[in-house]
């Protein structure tokens, strides 16, 4: 089982939903965990009038309404399974206390997600510093990747982000994955939310390219396998 923690205070829900559908398109069994402050995912997958628990959505499972990862694991065990039943467990993490120190330490990948809004960069840096001190032993420097979502201006880059994140107790792995964003991607996000479906085919070419690059970097799949999974995900309706 691979566990990926996507931490950060920006809205990264659309990116993570697309990643989960892409992984499912490649034959993976995937669980996406809502650990956001506003508990957003019931609005995307339906069922606002009841506690969702584990909900199948567009070929993968979404966990909503749990207080922490231990409670989620207990729920899965009580229903005859556990995290080990999934190939990928992916956390959308904003709540510092949701994942334990052990969850952070055994994660297959730690990813910091940010947009370029000043509030997100300033408050996100404080959040990440607090998380690093809380979740890791003194002297242990976690290794993380960076993802920038909803990038609409080309003058932002790694050197700019370094001004906010270079002094944090984190070892950054590789360059930042930048997901370009325009009105077509925004339009699709809104349409998916209102229809409670997850279409991917209308995504812009640049967005798909970077999404595939990110998934390839996080998995042991080659370029052809990832693009085949994308095509499968695009063909799946709903």
Protein backbone atom coordinates (compact mmCIF):
# COMPACT_ATOMS: atom_id res chain seq x y z
CA UNK A 1 0.00 0.00 0.00
CA UNK A 2 1.27 3.44 -0.95
CA UNK A 3 0.21 6.36 1.22
CA UNK A 4 0.62 9.89 -0.09
CA UNK A 5 0.12 12.93 2.12
CA UNK A 6 -0.75 16.04 0.14
CA UNK A 7 -0.44 18.75 2.78
CA UNK A 8 -1.20 22.42 2.39
CA UNK A 9 -3.80 25.12 2.97
CA UNK A 10 -4.80 25.72 -0.65
CA UNK A 11 -7.75 24.09 -2.38
CA UNK A 12 -6.21 21.05 -4.07
CA UNK A 13 -9.38 18.97 -4.26
CA UNK A 14 -9.72 19.02 -8.04
CA UNK A 15 -6.10 17.94 -8.55
CA UNK A 16 -6.46 15.06 -6.08
CA UNK A 17 -9.75 13.88 -7.57
CA UNK A 18 -8.10 13.80 -11.00
CA UNK A 19 -5.07 11.94 -9.63
CA UNK A 20 -7.32 9.34 -8.01
CA UNK A 21 -9.30 8.80 -11.18
CA UNK A 22 -6.08 8.48 -13.18
CA UNK A 23 -4.70 5.88 -10.75
CA UNK A 24 -8.00 4.00 -10.87
CA UNK A 25 -7.80 4.13 -14.67
CA UNK A 26 -4.52 2.26 -14.36
CA UNK A 27 -6.13 -0.52 -12.36
CA UNK A 28 -5.30 0.74 -8.87
CA UNK A 29 -7.64 0.55 -5.90
CA UNK A 30 -7.62 4.05 -4.44
CA UNK A 31 -8.88 5.73 -1.25
CA UNK A 32 -8.98 9.54 -1.03
CA UNK A 33 -9.23 10.86 2.52
CA UNK A 34 -10.88 14.19 3.34
CA UNK A 35 -8.77 15.77 6.08
CA UNK A 36 -9.61 19.35 5.12
CA UNK A 37 -10.74 21.97 7.61
CA UNK A 38 -14.02 22.65 5.83
CA UNK A 39 -14.68 18.98 5.02
CA UNK A 40 -15.30 19.79 1.37
CA UNK A 41 -15.64 16.43 -0.29
CA UNK A 42 -19.29 15.63 0.53
CA UNK A 43 -20.14 18.59 -1.71
CA UNK A 44 -18.31 16.92 -4.58
CA UNK A 45 -19.43 13.31 -4.19
CA UNK A 46 -23.03 13.82 -2.94
CA UNK A 47 -24.95 12.89 0.18
CA UNK A 48 -24.87 16.16 2.15
CA UNK A 49 -27.82 15.06 4.27
CA UNK A 50 -26.03 12.09 5.82
CA UNK A 51 -22.66 10.92 7.09
CA UNK A 52 -20.94 9.44 4.09
CA UNK A 53 -18.22 7.27 5.60
CA UNK A 54 -16.69 5.51 2.60
CA UNK A 55 -18.28 6.44 -0.72
CA UNK A 56 -17.47 5.06 -4.17
CA UNK A 57 -17.02 7.89 -6.64
CA UNK A 58 -15.85 7.70 -10.25
CA UNK A 59 -13.98 4.43 -9.77
CA UNK A 60 -12.33 5.08 -6.39
CA UNK A 61 -13.35 5.49 -2.74
CA UNK A 62 -13.63 8.74 -0.78
CA UNK A 63 -13.52 8.81 3.03
CA UNK A 64 -15.50 11.67 4.61
CA UNK A 65 -16.42 12.65 8.13
CA UNK A 66 -13.64 11.00 10.12
CA UNK A 67 -11.88 12.74 13.00
CA UNK A 68 -8.47 11.22 12.34
CA UNK A 69 -6.66 8.47 10.45
CA UNK A 70 -6.94 6.07 13.39
CA UNK A 71 -10.72 6.42 13.38
CA UNK A 72 -10.79 5.79 9.65
CA UNK A 73 -8.63 2.68 10.06
CA UNK A 74 -10.95 1.39 12.81
CA UNK A 75 -13.95 1.94 10.54
CA UNK A 76 -12.30 0.04 7.71
CA UNK A 77 -11.34 -2.82 10.03
CA UNK A 78 -14.89 -3.06 11.37
CA UNK A 79 -16.13 -3.51 7.80
CA UNK A 80 -13.72 -6.31 7.01
CA UNK A 81 -10.82 -4.40 5.57
CA UNK A 82 -8.11 -1.85 6.23
CA UNK A 83 -5.69 0.43 4.48
CA UNK A 84 -3.88 -2.64 3.16
CA UNK A 85 -6.87 -3.34 0.90
CA UNK A 86 -5.93 -0.30 -1.17
CA UNK A 87 -3.05 0.23 -3.55
CA UNK A 88 -3.07 3.96 -2.81
CA UNK A 89 -4.30 5.96 0.19
CA UNK A 90 -4.17 9.68 -0.53
CA UNK A 91 -4.74 12.36 2.12
CA UNK A 92 -5.93 15.89 1.42
CA UNK A 93 -4.43 17.19 4.65
CA UNK A 94 -5.13 20.55 6.26
CA UNK A 95 -5.85 19.35 9.82
CA UNK A 96 -2.55 19.02 11.69
CA UNK A 97 -3.83 16.38 14.09
CA UNK A 98 -5.50 14.12 11.53
CA UNK A 99 -2.43 12.04 10.70
CA UNK A 100 -0.19 10.70 13.44
CA UNK A 101 3.59 10.96 13.57
CA UNK A 102 3.71 7.34 12.38
CA UNK A 103 1.46 8.18 9.40
CA UNK A 104 3.88 10.90 8.33
CA UNK A 105 6.95 8.75 8.83
CA UNK A 106 5.69 5.76 6.85
CA UNK A 107 4.12 7.76 4.03
CA UNK A 108 5.39 6.73 0.59
CA UNK A 109 5.41 10.38 -0.49
CA UNK A 110 5.02 13.73 1.23
CA UNK A 111 3.84 16.50 -1.06
CA UNK A 112 3.43 20.17 -0.21
CA UNK A 113 0.71 21.83 -2.29
CA UNK A 114 0.37 25.58 -2.56
CA UNK A 115 -1.05 28.23 -4.80
CA UNK A 116 0.52 31.66 -5.29
CA UNK A 117 -1.83 33.69 -3.11
CA UNK A 118 0.10 35.64 -0.50
CA UNK A 119 -2.08 34.37 2.36
CA UNK A 120 -1.49 30.75 1.33
CA UNK A 121 2.26 31.25 1.06
CA UNK A 122 2.59 33.07 4.39
CA UNK A 123 0.21 30.93 6.44
CA UNK A 124 1.26 27.77 4.64
CA UNK A 125 4.86 28.32 5.63
CA UNK A 126 3.88 28.65 9.28
CA UNK A 127 1.69 25.53 9.04
CA UNK A 128 4.46 23.47 7.49
CA UNK A 129 7.02 24.58 10.08
CA UNK A 130 4.64 23.57 12.85
CA UNK A 131 3.91 20.24 11.16
CA UNK A 132 7.61 19.41 10.72
CA UNK A 133 8.35 20.07 14.39
CA UNK A 134 5.27 18.18 15.55
CA UNK A 135 5.47 15.11 13.34
CA UNK A 136 9.20 14.36 13.22
CA UNK A 137 11.85 13.76 15.84
CA UNK A 138 14.32 16.55 16.50
CA UNK A 139 17.03 16.49 13.87
CA UNK A 140 14.96 14.54 11.34
CA UNK A 141 14.43 16.57 8.15
CA UNK A 142 11.48 15.30 6.10
CA UNK A 143 11.83 15.13 2.32
CA UNK A 144 8.94 16.64 0.39
CA UNK A 145 7.97 17.44 -3.16
CA UNK A 146 6.33 20.77 -4.06
CA UNK A 147 3.26 21.21 -6.24
CA UNK A 148 1.93 24.60 -7.28
CA UNK A 149 -1.73 24.52 -8.26
CA UNK A 150 -3.72 27.00 -10.35
CA UNK A 151 -0.71 28.73 -11.82
CA UNK A 152 -1.92 31.51 -14.11
CA UNK A 153 1.25 33.55 -14.49
CA UNK A 154 4.57 32.32 -15.83
CA UNK A 155 6.82 34.63 -13.83
CA UNK A 156 6.39 32.61 -10.66
CA UNK A 157 8.96 29.85 -10.24
CA UNK A 158 11.08 27.87 -7.82
CA UNK A 159 13.23 30.88 -6.95
CA UNK A 160 10.11 32.83 -5.98
CA UNK A 161 8.75 30.01 -3.82
CA UNK A 162 12.15 29.61 -2.20
CA UNK A 163 11.66 33.03 -0.69
CA UNK A 164 8.85 31.58 1.38
CA UNK A 165 9.97 27.98 1.90
CA UNK A 166 13.78 27.83 1.73
CA UNK A 167 14.27 28.31 5.49
CA UNK A 168 11.72 25.70 6.56
CA UNK A 169 12.89 22.44 8.22
CA UNK A 170 12.19 20.45 5.04
CA UNK A 171 14.40 18.97 2.34
CA UNK A 172 12.79 19.69 -1.01
CA UNK A 173 12.96 16.91 -3.60
CA UNK A 174 13.32 18.00 -7.21
CA UNK A 175 11.74 20.99 -8.88
CA UNK A 176 8.22 22.24 -8.29
CA UNK A 177 5.45 20.62 -10.31
CA UNK A 178 3.46 23.54 -11.66
CA UNK A 179 -0.11 22.83 -12.76
CA UNK A 180 -1.20 25.53 -15.25
CA UNK A 181 -4.68 26.90 -14.86
CA UNK A 182 -7.04 28.83 -17.12
CA UNK A 183 -10.73 29.50 -17.54
CA UNK A 184 -11.34 26.14 -19.27
CA UNK A 185 -9.92 24.20 -16.30
CA UNK A 186 -11.95 26.36 -13.91
CA UNK A 187 -15.10 25.82 -15.95
CA UNK A 188 -14.62 22.05 -15.84
CA UNK A 189 -14.03 22.11 -12.07
CA UNK A 190 -17.28 23.97 -11.51
CA UNK A 191 -19.24 21.73 -13.89
CA UNK A 192 -17.90 18.61 -12.18
CA UNK A 193 -18.88 19.95 -8.77
CA UNK A 194 -22.42 20.83 -9.77
CA UNK A 195 -23.08 17.61 -11.67
CA UNK A 196 -21.22 15.48 -9.08
CA UNK A 197 -19.30 13.83 -11.87
CA UNK A 198 -15.61 13.78 -12.69
CA UNK A 199 -14.90 14.39 -16.34
CA UNK A 200 -11.25 14.72 -17.35
CA UNK A 201 -11.18 14.81 -21.13
CA UNK A 202 -11.88 18.58 -21.40
CA UNK A 203 -8.85 19.45 -19.24
CA UNK A 204 -6.30 21.56 -21.07
CA UNK A 205 -3.28 19.82 -22.56
CA UNK A 206 -0.80 21.58 -20.28
CA UNK A 207 -2.70 20.56 -17.18
CA UNK A 208 -2.90 16.92 -18.26
CA UNK A 209 0.81 16.88 -19.08
CA UNK A 210 1.85 18.10 -15.65
CA UNK A 211 -0.68 15.84 -13.93
CA UNK A 212 0.82 12.83 -15.70
CA UNK A 213 4.36 13.98 -14.87
CA UNK A 214 3.42 14.21 -11.19
CA UNK A 215 1.82 10.76 -11.11
CA UNK A 216 4.77 9.24 -12.96
CA UNK A 217 7.14 10.81 -10.43
CA UNK A 218 5.15 9.40 -7.49
CA UNK A 219 4.77 5.88 -8.88
CA UNK A 220 6.92 3.26 -10.56
CA UNK A 221 4.89 3.53 -13.76
CA UNK A 222 6.49 4.62 -17.00
CA UNK A 223 5.22 7.33 -19.31
CA UNK A 224 3.25 4.95 -21.54
CA UNK A 225 1.49 3.34 -18.58
CA UNK A 226 0.49 6.70 -17.14
CA UNK A 227 -0.87 7.96 -20.46
CA UNK A 228 -2.78 4.72 -20.94
CA UNK A 229 -4.30 5.18 -17.50
CA UNK A 230 -5.25 8.76 -18.43
CA UNK A 231 -7.03 7.59 -21.56
CA UNK A 232 -8.94 5.01 -19.52
CA UNK A 233 -9.89 7.68 -16.99
CA UNK A 234 -11.06 10.02 -19.77
CA UNK A 235 -13.28 7.29 -21.21
CA UNK A 236 -14.94 6.51 -17.87
CA UNK A 237 -18.16 8.45 -17.47
CA UNK A 238 -19.16 9.93 -14.13
